[in-house]
Amino acid sequence: QDLSNTVYAFASAGVAAPGLFEAVASAAPVAIGRRSFKPQELSNLVWSYATAYASQGHIGNPACHHYTSPTALLLDAVADEATRLADGFKPQELANTAWAYAKLENYRLARRGAFVAALASSARAKIHRFEARHLSVVAFSYAKAGIADDRLFADIARAARGRKAQFNDISKTQLRQAALFLRHRAPHIASPNVVDVDLDLDLRLLAAAAAAERERTTGGPKNATEGGPPRHKGRRVPPPPTQQLLLQLRRQQAEQAGENGASSSSDNEL
C-alpha cells in the first residue's frame, strides 16, 4: 500500500520523480508476488505510471518498456495479479486500470489475452453499476488498444443508452473517439449515415464495429479492402490521428447529404 500511495501522490501532484518511479517499479513486483496488493492499490499503481507518462514523459522512453525493464516487469506483475483478482475490481478501478494500460502504448496490451479477458468479464458482470464516465473510459481504452471485444462493447452500448443524461462532453468525446478507432479497424461496416455526432449512433457503431472486427480476425473476409486495414508481418497498421478520421467523417457526411438532396430533388420532379 505504501508503494502505491507514494507514486499515486507524486503522479496526482504532477511532480517529476523518475528515480522514485524506477525504484518502485523494481520493488513492487516482489510485493505483488506475495499477494499483498488489493485491487484499488493495483489500479492506483498503474494509473500513477500512466499519468506520469502522460504528463511528464519520464517513463515514455521506449527503453523503459523493454520486456526486461523495471517498468515493463511491474506492468506484467500487476496484469498477472489483476487477472487473478479481476472479479474484485470496482467500476472505477476497472476503468482506471484499462485506461492506464491503453495509455502506455508501448506495453502492447493486446498481447496479454488473459488479463484483457478478465477485465472485460468483470466489467460486463458489473455493467449495471457503471456510471457514464466508467463506460466511456473502458470503451475508449479497449478501442485505443485495438481490442474489439464485441460482447463488452455491446453491453457498454446498451448500458449507455439507459444513462444518456449522465454523459457530459468529455464522456461523449471518449465514446466518439472509441467509435472512430473501431471504425478505422472495421471500415466495411461503417456507412456514412451511421457515424454521427448523435450519441445513439455512436453507440450503434461501437457495437457493430466490435462485432465486425471479431468476425474479421476469426475468419472474416480475406480481402484486405473488405476486411479492414491490412496487417504487415503480424503487426496492425496503427489508426490515423483522430483529426484525420474526423475529416474523413465530415467528407462522407457531406457526400451523403448531397446524395440525399439529389434524391429528394428527383422525387419532387416526379
Protein backbone atom coordinates (compact mmCIF):
# COMPACT_ATOMS: atom_id res chain seq x y z
CA GLN A 1 0.00 0.00 0.00
CA ASP A 2 2.84 2.40 0.80
CA LEU A 3 4.41 1.88 -2.63
CA SER A 4 1.11 2.50 -4.39
CA ASN A 5 0.23 5.54 -2.27
CA THR A 6 3.66 7.11 -2.82
CA VAL A 7 3.66 7.06 -6.62
CA TYR A 8 -0.05 7.98 -6.63
CA ALA A 9 0.72 11.12 -4.61
CA PHE A 10 3.56 12.17 -6.91
CA ALA A 11 1.59 11.48 -10.09
CA SER A 12 -1.51 13.28 -8.82
CA ALA A 13 0.56 16.33 -7.90
CA GLY A 14 2.38 16.28 -11.24
CA VAL A 15 5.78 16.09 -9.55
CA ALA A 16 8.51 14.54 -11.70
CA ALA A 17 10.40 11.86 -9.82
CA PRO A 18 11.86 9.40 -12.33
CA GLY A 19 14.25 7.90 -9.82
CA LEU A 20 11.42 7.18 -7.41
CA PHE A 21 9.23 5.61 -10.08
CA GLU A 22 12.07 3.37 -11.24
CA ALA A 23 12.79 2.32 -7.65
CA VAL A 24 9.14 1.46 -7.01
CA ALA A 25 9.00 -0.42 -10.31
CA SER A 26 11.90 -2.54 -9.11
CA ALA A 27 10.47 -3.20 -5.65
CA ALA A 28 6.72 -3.55 -6.27
CA PRO A 29 6.71 -6.85 -8.24
CA VAL A 30 8.12 -8.69 -5.24
CA ALA A 31 5.35 -7.34 -3.01
CA ILE A 32 2.74 -8.09 -5.65
CA GLY A 33 4.07 -11.63 -5.90
CA ARG A 34 3.37 -12.05 -2.19
CA ARG A 35 -0.25 -11.14 -2.97
CA SER A 36 -0.16 -8.17 -0.61
CA PHE A 37 -1.87 -5.73 -3.01
CA LYS A 38 -5.61 -5.09 -3.14
CA PRO A 39 -7.46 -4.21 -6.37
CA GLN A 40 -7.52 -0.49 -5.56
CA GLU A 41 -3.79 -0.46 -4.89
CA LEU A 42 -3.03 -2.26 -8.15
CA SER A 43 -5.27 0.15 -10.04
CA ASN A 44 -3.73 3.23 -8.42
CA LEU A 45 -0.25 1.90 -9.11
CA VAL A 46 -0.63 1.53 -12.88
CA TRP A 47 -2.76 4.70 -13.07
CA SER A 48 0.15 6.59 -11.49
CA TYR A 49 2.65 5.32 -14.04
CA ALA A 50 0.35 6.13 -16.94
CA THR A 51 -0.33 9.60 -15.56
CA ALA A 52 3.38 10.26 -15.07
CA TYR A 53 3.98 9.08 -18.63
CA ALA A 54 1.27 11.39 -19.99
CA SER A 55 2.20 14.50 -18.02
CA GLN A 56 5.95 14.20 -17.58
CA GLY A 57 7.17 11.74 -20.17
CA HIS A 58 9.93 10.39 -17.95
CA ILE A 59 8.77 6.80 -18.40
CA GLY A 60 7.78 7.34 -22.02
CA ASN A 61 11.16 6.31 -23.42
CA PRO A 62 10.75 3.04 -25.37
CA ALA A 63 13.67 1.57 -23.39
CA CYS A 64 11.52 1.77 -20.27
CA HIS A 65 9.00 -0.56 -21.90
CA HIS A 66 11.50 -3.19 -22.96
CA TYR A 67 10.41 -6.58 -21.69
CA THR A 68 13.22 -6.62 -19.12
CA SER A 69 12.85 -3.03 -17.92
CA PRO A 70 11.61 -2.41 -14.34
CA THR A 71 8.51 -0.63 -15.63
CA ALA A 72 7.54 -3.45 -18.00
CA LEU A 73 8.13 -6.07 -15.31
CA LEU A 74 5.95 -4.06 -12.93
CA LEU A 75 3.16 -3.84 -15.50
CA ASP A 76 3.46 -7.59 -16.09
CA ALA A 77 3.20 -8.28 -12.36
CA VAL A 78 0.14 -6.05 -11.98
CA ALA A 79 -1.51 -7.64 -15.03
CA ASP A 80 -0.95 -11.14 -13.62
CA GLU A 81 -2.32 -10.26 -10.20
CA ALA A 82 -5.21 -8.24 -11.63
CA THR A 83 -6.16 -11.25 -13.75
CA ARG A 84 -6.48 -13.27 -10.55
CA LEU A 85 -8.38 -10.54 -8.67
CA ALA A 86 -10.44 -9.10 -11.55
CA ASP A 87 -13.77 -10.11 -10.06
CA GLY A 88 -13.00 -7.94 -7.03
CA PHE A 89 -12.34 -4.76 -9.02
CA LYS A 90 -14.91 -1.99 -8.65
CA PRO A 91 -16.06 0.03 -11.71
CA GLN A 92 -13.67 2.91 -11.02
CA GLU A 93 -10.76 0.50 -10.57
CA LEU A 94 -11.60 -1.32 -13.80
CA ALA A 95 -11.82 1.96 -15.71
CA ASN A 96 -8.55 3.30 -14.27
CA THR A 97 -6.70 0.06 -14.96
CA ALA A 98 -7.92 -0.23 -18.55
CA TRP A 99 -7.09 3.44 -19.20
CA ALA A 100 -3.61 3.09 -17.74
CA TYR A 101 -2.59 0.14 -19.90
CA ALA A 102 -4.07 1.70 -23.03
CA LYS A 103 -2.22 4.94 -22.30
CA LEU A 104 1.11 3.12 -22.00
CA GLU A 105 1.02 2.27 -25.69
CA ASN A 106 4.47 0.69 -25.91
CA TYR A 107 3.40 -2.01 -23.48
CA ARG A 108 1.24 -3.69 -26.15
CA LEU A 109 -1.76 -4.56 -24.02
CA ALA A 110 -3.29 -6.79 -26.69
CA ARG A 111 -0.65 -9.45 -26.07
CA ARG A 112 -1.98 -10.03 -22.55
CA GLY A 113 -5.05 -12.00 -23.58
CA ALA A 114 -5.96 -13.48 -20.19
CA PHE A 115 -5.68 -10.10 -18.49
CA VAL A 116 -7.73 -8.32 -21.13
CA ALA A 117 -10.42 -11.01 -20.99
CA ALA A 118 -10.55 -10.95 -17.18
CA LEU A 119 -11.07 -7.18 -17.05
CA ALA A 120 -13.75 -7.36 -19.76
CA SER A 121 -15.57 -10.19 -17.97
CA SER A 122 -15.52 -8.30 -14.68
CA ALA A 123 -16.75 -5.13 -16.39
CA ARG A 124 -19.62 -6.96 -18.08
CA ALA A 125 -20.67 -8.53 -14.79
CA LYS A 126 -20.78 -5.10 -13.11
CA ILE A 127 -22.03 -3.07 -16.06
CA HIS A 128 -25.24 -2.19 -14.20
CA ARG A 129 -23.10 -0.39 -11.60
CA PHE A 130 -21.09 1.62 -14.11
CA GLU A 131 -21.55 5.36 -14.34
CA ALA A 132 -21.34 7.11 -17.70
CA ARG A 133 -17.69 8.04 -17.14
CA HIS A 134 -16.77 4.43 -16.43
CA LEU A 135 -18.49 3.24 -19.61
CA SER A 136 -16.80 5.80 -21.81
CA VAL A 137 -13.33 5.24 -20.32
CA VAL A 138 -13.48 1.46 -20.74
CA ALA A 139 -14.80 1.78 -24.29
CA PHE A 140 -12.11 4.30 -25.21
CA SER A 141 -9.33 2.25 -23.59
CA TYR A 142 -10.19 -1.03 -25.29
CA ALA A 143 -10.72 0.62 -28.67
CA LYS A 144 -7.47 2.60 -28.40
CA ALA A 145 -5.57 -0.59 -27.58
CA GLY A 146 -7.09 -2.28 -30.63
CA ILE A 147 -9.09 -4.81 -28.61
CA ALA A 148 -12.52 -5.35 -30.16
CA ASP A 149 -14.47 -7.37 -27.60
CA ASP A 150 -17.88 -7.41 -29.24
CA ARG A 151 -19.74 -8.58 -26.14
CA LEU A 152 -18.16 -5.91 -23.96
CA PHE A 153 -18.92 -3.12 -26.45
CA ALA A 154 -22.47 -4.36 -26.96
CA ASP A 155 -23.04 -4.30 -23.19
CA ILE A 156 -21.49 -0.83 -22.95
CA ALA A 157 -23.77 0.43 -25.73
CA ARG A 158 -26.87 -0.99 -24.05
CA ALA A 159 -25.91 0.40 -20.65
CA ALA A 160 -25.04 3.81 -22.08
CA ARG A 161 -28.45 4.18 -23.70
CA GLY A 162 -30.02 3.95 -20.27
CA ARG A 163 -27.69 6.62 -18.90
CA LYS A 164 -27.72 9.16 -21.73
CA ALA A 165 -28.47 12.03 -19.39
CA GLN A 166 -25.29 11.29 -17.40
CA PHE A 167 -22.90 11.76 -20.32
CA ASN A 168 -21.02 15.05 -20.26
CA ASP A 169 -18.96 16.41 -23.14
CA ILE A 170 -15.83 14.54 -22.07
CA SER A 171 -17.62 11.19 -21.87
CA LYS A 172 -19.31 11.76 -25.23
CA THR A 173 -15.97 12.63 -26.80
CA GLN A 174 -14.38 9.46 -25.42
CA LEU A 175 -17.21 7.35 -26.85
CA ARG A 176 -16.88 9.10 -30.19
CA GLN A 177 -13.14 8.51 -30.25
CA ALA A 178 -13.73 4.85 -29.41
CA ALA A 179 -16.19 4.58 -32.27
CA LEU A 180 -13.72 6.24 -34.64
CA PHE A 181 -10.90 3.90 -33.61
CA LEU A 182 -13.13 0.89 -34.23
CA ARG A 183 -14.48 2.37 -37.45
CA HIS A 184 -10.92 2.53 -38.76
CA ARG A 185 -10.32 -1.10 -37.82
CA ALA A 186 -13.56 -2.32 -39.42
CA PRO A 187 -14.45 0.28 -42.08
CA HIS A 188 -16.62 -2.12 -44.08
CA ILE A 189 -19.46 -1.83 -41.55
CA ALA A 190 -19.42 1.96 -41.14
CA SER A 191 -21.62 3.66 -43.72
CA PRO A 192 -21.64 7.49 -43.65
CA ASN A 193 -25.13 7.64 -42.18
CA VAL A 194 -24.15 5.53 -39.16
CA VAL A 195 -21.39 7.73 -37.74
CA ASP A 196 -22.75 10.98 -36.41
CA VAL A 197 -22.44 13.37 -33.51
CA ASP A 198 -25.53 11.77 -32.02
CA LEU A 199 -24.81 9.52 -29.04
CA ASP A 200 -27.22 6.81 -30.17
CA LEU A 201 -25.45 6.47 -33.50
CA ASP A 202 -22.03 6.42 -31.87
CA LEU A 203 -23.22 3.56 -29.67
CA ARG A 204 -24.60 1.64 -32.64
CA LEU A 205 -21.27 1.95 -34.39
CA LEU A 206 -19.38 0.94 -31.27
CA ALA A 207 -21.21 -2.38 -31.00
CA ALA A 208 -21.32 -3.07 -34.74
CA ALA A 209 -17.64 -2.31 -35.32
CA ALA A 210 -16.55 -4.55 -32.48
CA ALA A 211 -18.64 -7.43 -33.80
CA ALA A 212 -17.29 -6.95 -37.32
CA GLU A 213 -13.71 -6.83 -36.05
CA ARG A 214 -14.14 -10.08 -34.18
CA GLU A 215 -15.60 -11.72 -37.30
CA ARG A 216 -12.73 -10.44 -39.42
CA THR A 217 -9.97 -11.58 -37.07
CA THR A 218 -11.51 -15.02 -36.61
CA GLY A 219 -12.07 -15.85 -40.26
CA GLY A 220 -13.94 -12.97 -41.83
CA PRO A 221 -13.32 -11.50 -45.30
CA LYS A 222 -9.87 -12.35 -46.66
CA ASN A 223 -9.71 -9.37 -48.95
CA ALA A 224 -7.88 -6.61 -47.10
CA THR A 225 -10.06 -3.95 -48.66
CA GLU A 226 -13.18 -5.73 -47.38
CA GLY A 227 -11.87 -6.79 -44.01
CA GLY A 228 -10.35 -3.58 -42.73
CA PRO A 229 -6.76 -2.35 -42.69
CA PRO A 230 -4.14 -4.86 -43.87
CA ARG A 231 -1.70 -6.45 -41.47
CA HIS A 232 2.03 -6.24 -42.16
CA LYS A 233 4.16 -9.04 -40.79
CA GLY A 234 1.76 -9.66 -37.94
CA ARG A 235 1.58 -6.01 -36.92
CA ARG A 236 -1.61 -3.99 -37.24
CA VAL A 237 -1.38 -0.71 -39.06
CA PRO A 238 -1.86 1.99 -36.40
CA PRO A 239 -5.01 4.08 -36.70
CA PRO A 240 -4.66 7.54 -38.19
CA PRO A 241 -4.91 10.58 -35.92
CA THR A 242 -8.37 11.46 -34.66
CA GLN A 243 -8.30 14.68 -36.66
CA GLN A 244 -7.85 12.73 -39.90
CA LEU A 245 -10.71 10.40 -39.01
CA LEU A 246 -12.96 13.37 -38.28
CA LEU A 247 -12.09 14.94 -41.64
CA GLN A 248 -12.98 11.67 -43.37
CA LEU A 249 -16.22 11.53 -41.41
CA ARG A 250 -17.22 15.08 -42.37
CA ARG A 251 -16.39 14.41 -46.02
CA GLN A 252 -18.53 11.28 -46.06
CA GLN A 253 -21.39 13.04 -44.27
CA ALA A 254 -21.26 15.83 -46.85
CA GLU A 255 -21.34 13.29 -49.67
CA GLN A 256 -24.27 11.51 -48.04
CA ALA A 257 -26.13 14.77 -47.59
CA GLY A 258 -25.53 15.53 -51.29
CA GLU A 259 -26.91 12.16 -52.33
CA ASN A 260 -29.98 12.64 -50.15
CA GLY A 261 -30.52 16.11 -51.58
CA ALA A 262 -30.27 14.82 -55.14
CA SER A 263 -32.71 12.03 -54.36
CA SER A 264 -35.19 14.47 -52.85
CA SER A 265 -34.95 16.74 -55.88
CA SER A 266 -35.65 13.85 -58.23
CA ASP A 267 -38.66 12.82 -56.17
CA ASN A 268 -40.01 16.35 -56.27
CA GLU A 269 -39.61 16.49 -60.04
CA LEU A 270 -41.61 13.28 -60.39
